[in-house]
PDB file of N, CA and C in Angstrom:
ATOM      1  N   UNK A   1      46.687  25.963 -17.077  1.00  0.00           N
ATOM      2  CA  UNK A   1      48.443  26.624 -17.049  1.00  0.00           C
ATOM      3  C   UNK A   1      49.369  24.897 -16.634  1.00  0.00           C
ATOM      4  N   UNK A   2      48.750  25.119 -16.584  1.00  0.00           N
ATOM      5  CA  UNK A   2      50.099  23.959 -15.770  1.00  0.00           C
ATOM      6  C   UNK A   2      51.033  23.813 -16.562  1.00  0.00           C
ATOM      7  N   UNK A   3      49.942  23.009 -17.634  1.00  0.00           N
ATOM      8  CA  UNK A   3      50.372  21.917 -18.957  1.00  0.00           C
ATOM      9  C   UNK A   3      51.452  22.204 -18.916  1.00  0.00           C
ATOM     10  N   UNK A   4      52.663  23.846 -19.985  1.00  0.00           N
ATOM     11  CA  UNK A   4      52.818  24.193 -20.381  1.00  0.00           C
ATOM     12  C   UNK A   4      54.100  23.993 -19.400  1.00  0.00           C
ATOM     13  N   UNK A   5      54.164  23.643 -17.979  1.00  0.00           N
ATOM     14  CA  UNK A   5      55.884  23.144 -17.040  1.00  0.00           C
ATOM     15  C   UNK A   5      56.012  21.822 -17.552  1.00  0.00           C
ATOM     16  N   UNK A   6      54.802  20.968 -18.130  1.00  0.00           N
ATOM     17  CA  UNK A   6      55.639  19.077 -17.705  1.00  0.00           C
ATOM     18  C   UNK A   6      56.839  19.579 -18.761  1.00  0.00           C
ATOM     19  N   UNK A   7      57.982  18.836 -18.827  1.00  0.00           N
ATOM     20  CA  UNK A   7      59.288  18.648 -18.986  1.00  0.00           C
ATOM     21  C   UNK A   7      59.275  18.320 -20.720  1.00  0.00           C
ATOM     22  N   UNK A   8      58.222  17.472 -21.075  1.00  0.00           N
ATOM     23  CA  UNK A   8      58.627  17.150 -22.522  1.00  0.00           C
ATOM     24  C   UNK A   8      58.307  18.292 -23.593  1.00  0.00           C
ATOM     25  N   UNK A   9      56.899  19.212 -22.522  1.00  0.00           N
ATOM     26  CA  UNK A   9      56.757  20.699 -23.464  1.00  0.00           C
ATOM     27  C   UNK A   9      57.564  21.708 -22.845  1.00  0.00           C
ATOM     28  N   UNK A  10      57.999  21.522 -21.897  1.00  0.00           N
ATOM     29  CA  UNK A  10      58.768  22.473 -22.173  1.00  0.00           C
ATOM     30  C   UNK A  10      60.853  22.527 -23.782  1.00  0.00           C
ATOM     31  N   UNK A  11      60.785  21.046 -23.678  1.00  0.00           N
ATOM     32  CA  UNK A  11      62.133  20.527 -24.404  1.00  0.00           C
ATOM     33  C   UNK A  11      60.949  20.698 -25.861  1.00  0.00           C
ATOM     34  N   UNK A  12      59.853  21.362 -26.220  1.00  0.00           N
ATOM     35  CA  UNK A  12      59.553  21.538 -27.866  1.00  0.00           C
ATOM     36  C   UNK A  12      59.587  23.367 -27.433  1.00  0.00           C
ATOM     37  N   UNK A  13      59.417  23.554 -26.498  1.00  0.00           N
ATOM     38  CA  UNK A  13      59.597  25.022 -25.998  1.00  0.00           C
ATOM     39  C   UNK A  13      61.438  25.380 -26.965  1.00  0.00           C
ATOM     40  N   UNK A  14      62.062  24.931 -26.642  1.00  0.00           N
ATOM     41  CA  UNK A  14      63.234  25.102 -26.679  1.00  0.00           C
ATOM     42  C   UNK A  14      63.247  25.004 -28.247  1.00  0.00           C
ATOM     43  N   UNK A  15      63.316  23.911 -28.649  1.00  0.00           N
ATOM     44  CA  UNK A  15      63.038  23.493 -30.190  1.00  0.00           C
ATOM     45  C   UNK A  15      62.613  25.132 -30.609  1.00  0.00           C
ATOM     46  N   UNK A  16      61.474  25.528 -30.284  1.00  0.00           N
ATOM     47  CA  UNK A  16      60.955  26.408 -31.743  1.00  0.00           C
ATOM     48  C   UNK A  16      61.129  27.354 -31.159  1.00  0.00           C
ATOM     49  N   UNK A  17      62.921  27.620 -29.946  1.00  0.00           N
ATOM     50  CA  UNK A  17      64.030  28.950 -29.773  1.00  0.00           C
ATOM     51  C   UNK A  17      64.252  28.503 -30.584  1.00  0.00           C
ATOM     52  N   UNK A  18      65.095  27.212 -30.869  1.00  0.00           N
ATOM     53  CA  UNK A  18      66.537  26.979 -31.675  1.00  0.00           C
ATOM     54  C   UNK A  18      65.672  27.563 -33.373  1.00  0.00           C
ATOM     55  N   UNK A  19      64.860  27.148 -33.651  1.00  0.00           N
ATOM     56  CA  UNK A  19      63.636  26.928 -34.929  1.00  0.00           C
ATOM     57  C   UNK A  19      63.907  28.286 -34.821  1.00  0.00           C
ATOM     58  N   UNK A  20      63.442  28.909 -34.584  1.00  0.00           N
ATOM     59  CA  UNK A  20      62.881  30.838 -34.179  1.00  0.00           C
ATOM     60  C   UNK A  20      63.868  31.671 -34.708  1.00  0.00           C
ATOM     61  N   UNK A  21      65.080  31.120 -34.086  1.00  0.00           N
ATOM     62  CA  UNK A  21      65.920  31.750 -34.402  1.00  0.00           C
ATOM     63  C   UNK A  21      67.185  31.632 -36.009  1.00  0.00           C
ATOM     64  N   UNK A  22      66.436  30.491 -36.907  1.00  0.00           N
ATOM     65  CA  UNK A  22      66.424  30.246 -37.866  1.00  0.00           C
ATOM     66  C   UNK A  22      65.560  30.845 -38.960  1.00  0.00           C
ATOM     67  N   UNK A  23      64.658  30.989 -38.336  1.00  0.00           N
ATOM     68  CA  UNK A  23      63.821  32.256 -38.917  1.00  0.00           C
ATOM     69  C   UNK A  23      64.701  33.370 -39.046  1.00  0.00           C
ATOM     70  N   UNK A  24      65.125  34.300 -38.497  1.00  0.00           N
ATOM     71  CA  UNK A  24      65.321  35.588 -37.451  1.00  0.00           C
ATOM     72  C   UNK A  24      66.284  35.902 -39.597  1.00  0.00           C
ATOM     73  N   UNK A  25      67.367  34.185 -38.605  1.00  0.00           N
ATOM     74  CA  UNK A  25      68.324  34.472 -40.236  1.00  0.00           C
ATOM     75  C   UNK A  25      67.532  34.756 -41.805  1.00  0.00           C
ATOM     76  N   UNK A  26      66.675  33.625 -41.081  1.00  0.00           N
ATOM     77  CA  UNK A  26      66.108  33.157 -42.940  1.00  0.00           C
ATOM     78  C   UNK A  26      65.484  35.516 -43.418  1.00  0.00           C
ATOM     79  N   UNK A  27      64.606  36.076 -42.191  1.00  0.00           N
ATOM     80  CA  UNK A  27      64.300  37.319 -42.243  1.00  0.00           C
ATOM     81  C   UNK A  27      65.040  38.130 -42.903  1.00  0.00           C
ATOM     82  N   UNK A  28      66.667  38.150 -42.142  1.00  0.00           N
ATOM     83  CA  UNK A  28      67.392  39.008 -43.023  1.00  0.00           C
ATOM     84  C   UNK A  28      67.667  38.313 -43.811  1.00  0.00           C
ATOM     85  N   UNK A  29      67.566  37.521 -44.507  1.00  0.00           N
ATOM     86  CA  UNK A  29      68.175  37.754 -45.678  1.00  0.00           C
ATOM     87  C   UNK A  29      70.092  37.144 -45.914  1.00  0.00           C
ATOM     88  N   UNK A  30      69.803  36.276 -43.986  1.00  0.00           N
ATOM     89  CA  UNK A  30      71.427  35.366 -43.864  1.00  0.00           C
ATOM     90  C   UNK A  30      71.422  34.172 -44.402  1.00  0.00           C
ATOM     91  N   UNK A  31      70.606  32.960 -44.368  1.00  0.00           N
ATOM     92  CA  UNK A  31      70.299  32.098 -45.680  1.00  0.00           C
ATOM     93  C   UNK A  31      69.237  32.045 -46.582  1.00  0.00           C
ATOM     94  N   UNK A  32      69.103  31.656 -48.256  1.00  0.00           N
ATOM     95  CA  UNK A  32      68.647  32.099 -48.838  1.00  0.00           C
ATOM     96  C   UNK A  32      68.100  30.834 -49.786  1.00  0.00           C
ATOM     97  N   UNK A  33      68.266  29.009 -48.294  1.00  0.00           N
ATOM     98  CA  UNK A  33      68.933  27.643 -48.616  1.00  0.00           C
ATOM     99  C   UNK A  33      66.937  27.842 -48.056  1.00  0.00           C
ATOM    100  N   UNK A  34      66.498  27.234 -49.048  1.00  0.00           N
ATOM    101  CA  UNK A  34      64.375  26.482 -48.274  1.00  0.00           C
ATOM    102  C   UNK A  34      64.497  25.686 -47.083  1.00  0.00           C
ATOM    103  N   UNK A  35      64.061  25.511 -45.658  1.00  0.00           N
ATOM    104  CA  UNK A  35      64.185  25.364 -44.318  1.00  0.00           C
ATOM    105  C   UNK A  35      64.910  23.803 -44.613  1.00  0.00           C
ATOM    106  N   UNK A  36      64.033  23.290 -45.421  1.00  0.00           N
ATOM    107  CA  UNK A  36      64.046  21.630 -46.018  1.00  0.00           C
ATOM    108  C   UNK A  36      65.902  21.753 -45.798  1.00  0.00           C
ATOM    109  N   UNK A  37      66.838  22.169 -47.040  1.00  0.00           N
ATOM    110  CA  UNK A  37      67.604  22.171 -47.823  1.00  0.00           C
ATOM    111  C   UNK A  37      69.046  22.809 -46.717  1.00  0.00           C
ATOM    112  N   UNK A  38      68.356  23.365 -45.660  1.00  0.00           N
ATOM    113  CA  UNK A  38      69.541  24.308 -44.717  1.00  0.00           C
ATOM    114  C   UNK A  38      69.933  23.523 -43.663  1.00  0.00           C
ATOM    115  N   UNK A  39      67.857  22.682 -43.253  1.00  0.00           N
ATOM    116  CA  UNK A  39      68.771  21.181 -42.476  1.00  0.00           C
ATOM    117  C   UNK A  39      69.600  19.904 -42.901  1.00  0.00           C
ATOM    118  N   UNK A  40      69.797  19.914 -43.837  1.00  0.00           N
ATOM    119  CA  UNK A  40      70.312  19.068 -44.479  1.00  0.00           C
ATOM    120  C   UNK A  40      71.389  19.354 -45.486  1.00  0.00           C
ATOM    121  N   UNK A  41      71.466  19.909 -45.602  1.00  0.00           N
ATOM    122  CA  UNK A  41      73.035  20.576 -45.831  1.00  0.00           C
ATOM    123  C   UNK A  41      73.870  21.055 -44.884  1.00  0.00           C
ATOM    124  N   UNK A  42      73.385  21.430 -43.313  1.00  0.00           N
ATOM    125  CA  UNK A  42      74.204  22.028 -42.243  1.00  0.00           C
ATOM    126  C   UNK A  42      73.791  20.917 -41.131  1.00  0.00           C
ATOM    127  N   UNK A  43      73.816  19.566 -41.325  1.00  0.00           N
ATOM    128  CA  UNK A  43      73.575  18.235 -40.265  1.00  0.00           C
ATOM    129  C   UNK A  43      74.401  18.549 -39.034  1.00  0.00           C
ATOM    130  N   UNK A  44      75.809  18.269 -39.847  1.00  0.00           N
ATOM    131  CA  UNK A  44      76.558  18.444 -38.634  1.00  0.00           C
ATOM    132  C   UNK A  44      76.753  19.508 -37.284  1.00  0.00           C
ATOM    133  N   UNK A  45      76.569  20.439 -38.209  1.00  0.00           N
ATOM    134  CA  UNK A  45      75.964  22.105 -37.351  1.00  0.00           C
ATOM    135  C   UNK A  45      74.783  22.680 -36.808  1.00  0.00           C
ATOM    136  N   UNK A  46      73.705  21.519 -37.429  1.00  0.00           N
ATOM    137  CA  UNK A  46      72.295  22.196 -36.374  1.00  0.00           C
ATOM    138  C   UNK A  46      72.130  21.000 -35.913  1.00  0.00           C
ATOM    139  N   UNK A  47      72.922  19.734 -35.312  1.00  0.00           N
ATOM    140  CA  UNK A  47      73.306  18.521 -34.924  1.00  0.00           C
ATOM    141  C   UNK A  47      74.254  18.997 -33.065  1.00  0.00           C
ATOM    142  N   UNK A  48      75.071  19.489 -34.104  1.00  0.00           N
ATOM    143  CA  UNK A  48      75.522  20.396 -32.010  1.00  0.00           C
ATOM    144  C   UNK A  48      74.548  20.862 -32.094  1.00  0.00           C
ATOM    145  N   UNK A  49      73.563  21.924 -32.467  1.00  0.00           N
ATOM    146  CA  UNK A  49      72.874  22.525 -31.958  1.00  0.00           C
ATOM    147  C   UNK A  49      71.639  22.099 -31.503  1.00  0.00           C
ATOM    148  N   UNK A  50      71.444  20.835 -31.984  1.00  0.00           N
ATOM    149  CA  UNK A  50      69.987  20.043 -30.999  1.00  0.00           C
ATOM    150  C   UNK A  50      70.669  19.742 -29.610  1.00  0.00           C
ATOM    151  N   UNK A  51      71.734  18.802 -30.105  1.00  0.00           N
ATOM    152  CA  UNK A  51      72.480  18.425 -28.368  1.00  0.00           C
ATOM    153  C   UNK A  51      72.557  19.705 -27.599  1.00  0.00           C
ATOM    154  N   UNK A  52      73.776  20.848 -27.953  1.00  0.00           N
ATOM    155  CA  UNK A  52      73.729  21.577 -27.032  1.00  0.00           C
ATOM    156  C   UNK A  52      72.549  22.186 -25.963  1.00  0.00           C
ATOM    157  N   UNK A  53      71.148  22.214 -27.752  1.00  0.00           N
ATOM    158  CA  UNK A  53      70.304  23.262 -27.022  1.00  0.00           C
ATOM    159  C   UNK A  53      69.339  21.424 -25.597  1.00  0.00           C
ATOM    160  N   UNK A  54      70.022  19.719 -26.292  1.00  0.00           N
ATOM    161  CA  UNK A  54      69.262  19.641 -25.550  1.00  0.00           C
ATOM    162  C   UNK A  54      69.643  19.373 -24.014  1.00  0.00           C
ATOM    163  N   UNK A  55      71.609  19.879 -23.875  1.00  0.00           N
ATOM    164  CA  UNK A  55      72.456  19.090 -22.710  1.00  0.00           C
ATOM    165  C   UNK A  55      71.987  20.468 -21.861  1.00  0.00           C
ATOM    166  N   UNK A  56      71.597  21.853 -22.309  1.00  0.00           N
ATOM    167  CA  UNK A  56      71.509  22.686 -21.806  1.00  0.00           C
ATOM    168  C   UNK A  56      69.829  22.997 -20.790  1.00  0.00           C
ATOM    169  N   UNK A  57      69.188  22.567 -21.447  1.00  0.00           N
ATOM    170  CA  UNK A  57      67.486  21.568 -21.248  1.00  0.00           C
ATOM    171  C   UNK A  57      68.025  21.267 -19.892  1.00  0.00           C
ATOM    172  N   UNK A  58      68.033  19.559 -20.132  1.00  0.00           N
ATOM    173  CA  UNK A  58      68.817  18.529 -18.787  1.00  0.00           C
ATOM    174  C   UNK A  58      69.202  20.008 -17.311  1.00  0.00           C
ATOM    175  N   UNK A  59      70.909  20.767 -17.916  1.00  0.00           N
ATOM    176  CA  UNK A  59      71.052  21.116 -17.167  1.00  0.00           C
ATOM    177  C   UNK A  59      70.545  22.645 -16.461  1.00  0.00           C
ATOM    178  N   UNK A  60      69.377  22.911 -17.208  1.00  0.00           N
ATOM    179  CA  UNK A  60      68.213  23.508 -16.877  1.00  0.00           C
ATOM    180  C   UNK A  60      67.273  23.238 -15.552  1.00  0.00           C
ATOM    181  N   UNK A  61      66.984  22.039 -15.488  1.00  0.00           N
ATOM    182  CA  UNK A  61      65.847  20.850 -15.711  1.00  0.00           C
ATOM    183  C   UNK A  61      66.915  20.877 -14.173  1.00  0.00           C
ATOM    184  N   UNK A  62      68.329  20.115 -13.767  1.00  0.00           N
ATOM    185  CA  UNK A  62      68.618  19.816 -12.977  1.00  0.00           C
ATOM    186  C   UNK A  62      68.849  21.206 -11.821  1.00  0.00           C
ATOM    187  N   UNK A  63      68.896  21.817 -11.560  1.00  0.00           N
ATOM    188  CA  UNK A  63      68.594  23.458 -11.171  1.00  0.00           C
ATOM    189  C   UNK A  63      67.040  23.891 -10.555  1.00  0.00           C
ATOM    190  N   UNK A  64      66.312  23.649 -11.522  1.00  0.00           N
ATOM    191  CA  UNK A  64      65.322  23.539 -10.456  1.00  0.00           C
ATOM    192  C   UNK A  64      64.628  22.616  -9.239  1.00  0.00           C
ATOM    193  N   UNK A  65      66.251  21.623  -8.590  1.00  0.00           N
ATOM    194  CA  UNK A  65      66.056  20.666  -7.796  1.00  0.00           C
ATOM    195  C   UNK A  65      65.737  21.602  -6.482  1.00  0.00           C
ATOM    196  N   UNK A  66      65.825  23.461  -6.576  1.00  0.00           N
ATOM    197  CA  UNK A  66      65.894  23.936  -5.466  1.00  0.00           C
ATOM    198  C   UNK A  66      64.592  23.814  -5.633  1.00  0.00           C
ATOM    199  N   UNK A  67      63.620  23.878  -5.944  1.00  0.00           N
ATOM    200  CA  UNK A  67      62.119  23.859  -6.226  1.00  0.00           C
ATOM    201  C   UNK A  67      61.459  25.478  -6.734  1.00  0.00           C
ATOM    202  N   UNK A  68      62.759  26.136  -7.379  1.00  0.00           N
ATOM    203  CA  UNK A  68      61.973  26.638  -8.063  1.00  0.00           C
ATOM    204  C   UNK A  68      61.205  26.328  -9.231  1.00  0.00           C
ATOM    205  N   UNK A  69      59.768  27.576 -10.294  1.00  0.00           N
ATOM    206  CA  UNK A  69      59.557  26.180 -11.339  1.00  0.00           C
ATOM    207  C   UNK A  69      60.194  26.894 -12.605  1.00  0.00           C
ATOM    208  N   UNK A  70      60.119  25.991 -13.510  1.00  0.00           N
ATOM    209  CA  UNK A  70      60.090  26.257 -14.483  1.00  0.00           C
ATOM    210  C   UNK A  70      59.958  27.519 -15.474  1.00  0.00           C
ATOM    211  N   UNK A  71      61.013  28.745 -16.079  1.00  0.00           N
ATOM    212  CA  UNK A  71      61.117  29.420 -16.943  1.00  0.00           C
ATOM    213  C   UNK A  71      60.113  29.069 -18.464  1.00  0.00           C
ATOM    214  N   UNK A  72      59.596  29.645 -19.031  1.00  0.00           N
ATOM    215  CA  UNK A  72      59.128  29.315 -19.954  1.00  0.00           C
ATOM    216  C   UNK A  72      60.494  29.975 -20.837  1.00  0.00           C
ATOM    217  N   UNK A  73      59.892  30.986 -21.011  1.00  0.00           N
ATOM    218  CA  UNK A  73      60.841  32.266 -21.256  1.00  0.00           C
ATOM    219  C   UNK A  73      62.488  31.331 -21.711  1.00  0.00           C
ATOM    220  N   UNK A  74      63.740  32.014 -20.585  1.00  0.00           N
ATOM    221  CA  UNK A  74      64.413  30.899 -20.515  1.00  0.00           C
ATOM    222  C   UNK A  74      65.051  29.953 -21.234  1.00  0.00           C
ATOM    223  N   UNK A  75      63.776  28.736 -21.302  1.00  0.00           N
ATOM    224  CA  UNK A  75      63.937  27.515 -22.118  1.00  0.00           C
ATOM    225  C   UNK A  75      63.605  27.765 -23.090  1.00  0.00           C
ATOM    226  N   UNK A  76      63.141  28.980 -23.977  1.00  0.00           N
ATOM    227  CA  UNK A  76      62.923  29.796 -25.026  1.00  0.00           C
ATOM    228  C   UNK A  76      64.261  29.957 -25.970  1.00  0.00           C
ATOM    229  N   UNK A  77      64.805  30.560 -24.345  1.00  0.00           N
ATOM    230  CA  UNK A  77      66.270  31.697 -25.252  1.00  0.00           C
ATOM    231  C   UNK A  77      67.251  30.170 -24.975  1.00  0.00           C
ATOM    232  N   UNK A  78      67.214  29.328 -24.505  1.00  0.00           N
ATOM    233  CA  UNK A  78      67.721  28.396 -24.400  1.00  0.00           C
ATOM    234  C   UNK A  78      68.942  27.901 -25.674  1.00  0.00           C
ATOM    235  N   UNK A  79      66.947  27.119 -26.345  1.00  0.00           N
ATOM    236  CA  UNK A  79      66.759  26.721 -28.311  1.00  0.00           C
ATOM    237  C   UNK A  79      67.242  28.305 -28.797  1.00  0.00           C
ATOM    238  N   UNK A  80      67.093  28.939 -29.029  1.00  0.00           N
ATOM    239  CA  UNK A  80      67.637  29.789 -29.789  1.00  0.00           C
ATOM    240  C   UNK A  80      68.596  30.804 -29.419  1.00  0.00           C
ATOM    241  N   UNK A  81      69.566  30.569 -28.394  1.00  0.00           N
ATOM    242  CA  UNK A  81      70.653  30.847 -28.150  1.00  0.00           C
ATOM    243  C   UNK A  81      71.927  29.439 -28.160  1.00  0.00           C
ATOM    244  N   UNK A  82      71.439  28.494 -28.597  1.00  0.00           N
ATOM    245  CA  UNK A  82      72.637  27.472 -28.189  1.00  0.00           C
ATOM    246  C   UNK A  82      71.926  27.596 -30.093  1.00  0.00           C
ATOM    247  N   UNK A  83      71.544  27.121 -31.301  1.00  0.00           N
ATOM    248  CA  UNK A  83      70.979  27.125 -32.361  1.00  0.00           C
ATOM    249  C   UNK A  83      72.723  28.894 -32.543  1.00  0.00           C
ATOM    250  N   UNK A  84      71.940  29.595 -32.097  1.00  0.00           N
ATOM    251  CA  UNK A  84      72.751  31.176 -32.790  1.00  0.00           C
ATOM    252  C   UNK A  84      74.528  30.509 -32.002  1.00  0.00           C
ATOM    253  N   UNK A  85      74.745  30.082 -31.594  1.00  0.00           N
ATOM    254  CA  UNK A  85      76.030  29.529 -30.904  1.00  0.00           C
ATOM    255  C   UNK A  85      76.818  28.345 -32.010  1.00  0.00           C
ATOM    256  N   UNK A  86      75.939  27.526 -32.257  1.00  0.00           N
ATOM    257  CA  UNK A  86      76.570  26.712 -33.234  1.00  0.00           C
ATOM    258  C   UNK A  86      76.330  25.931 -34.154  1.00  0.00           C
ATOM    259  N   UNK A  87      74.296  26.170 -34.499  1.00  0.00           N
ATOM    260  CA  UNK A  87      74.410  26.171 -36.467  1.00  0.00           C
ATOM    261  C   UNK A  87      75.057  27.551 -36.707  1.00  0.00           C
ATOM    262  N   UNK A  88      76.603  27.337 -37.184  1.00  0.00           N
ATOM    263  CA  UNK A  88      77.500  27.897 -38.078  1.00  0.00           C
ATOM    264  C   UNK A  88      77.266  26.965 -39.399  1.00  0.00           C
ATOM    265  N   UNK A  89      76.739  28.193 -40.765  1.00  0.00           N
ATOM    266  CA  UNK A  89      77.450  27.796 -41.832  1.00  0.00           C
ATOM    267  C   UNK A  89      77.013  29.236 -42.625  1.00  0.00           C
ATOM    268  N   UNK A  90      77.741  28.624 -44.514  1.00  0.00           N
ATOM    269  CA  UNK A  90      77.551  29.676 -45.012  1.00  0.00           C
ATOM    270  C   UNK A  90      76.085  30.233 -46.144  1.00  0.00           C
ATOM    271  N   UNK A  91      76.624  31.222 -46.049  1.00  0.00           N
ATOM    272  CA  UNK A  91      75.371  32.216 -46.803  1.00  0.00           C
ATOM    273  C   UNK A  91      75.224  31.839 -48.197  1.00  0.00           C
ATOM    274  N   UNK A  92      74.215  31.312 -48.462  1.00  0.00           N
ATOM    275  CA  UNK A  92      73.903  31.993 -50.160  1.00  0.00           C
ATOM    276  C   UNK A  92      74.052  32.568 -50.580  1.00  0.00           C
ATOM    277  N   UNK A  93      74.267  32.641 -52.417  1.00  0.00           N
ATOM    278  CA  UNK A  93      73.431  35.036 -52.426  1.00  0.00           C
ATOM    279  C   UNK A  93      74.839  35.119 -52.669  1.00  0.00           C
TER     280      UNK A  93
END
């Protein structure tokens, strides 16, 4: 299971966190657009969420200099949180 703690895999997990936040919005009916349209129509806020996720990920990796192992749940949460904070859009409906 050591492979899951590789930096590239952890970054993908952060992106999955972002995507799961979008799916939560979709399930709650807050976004009626299709996934492709959502990202195309909200490119600025999606890009901001992606950048902040990447910055958060790098900051988290820098804290690992203390020798603590990476926490997959924290990495996932970073992506979810950044999408929640920065990927704002007008609900269609």
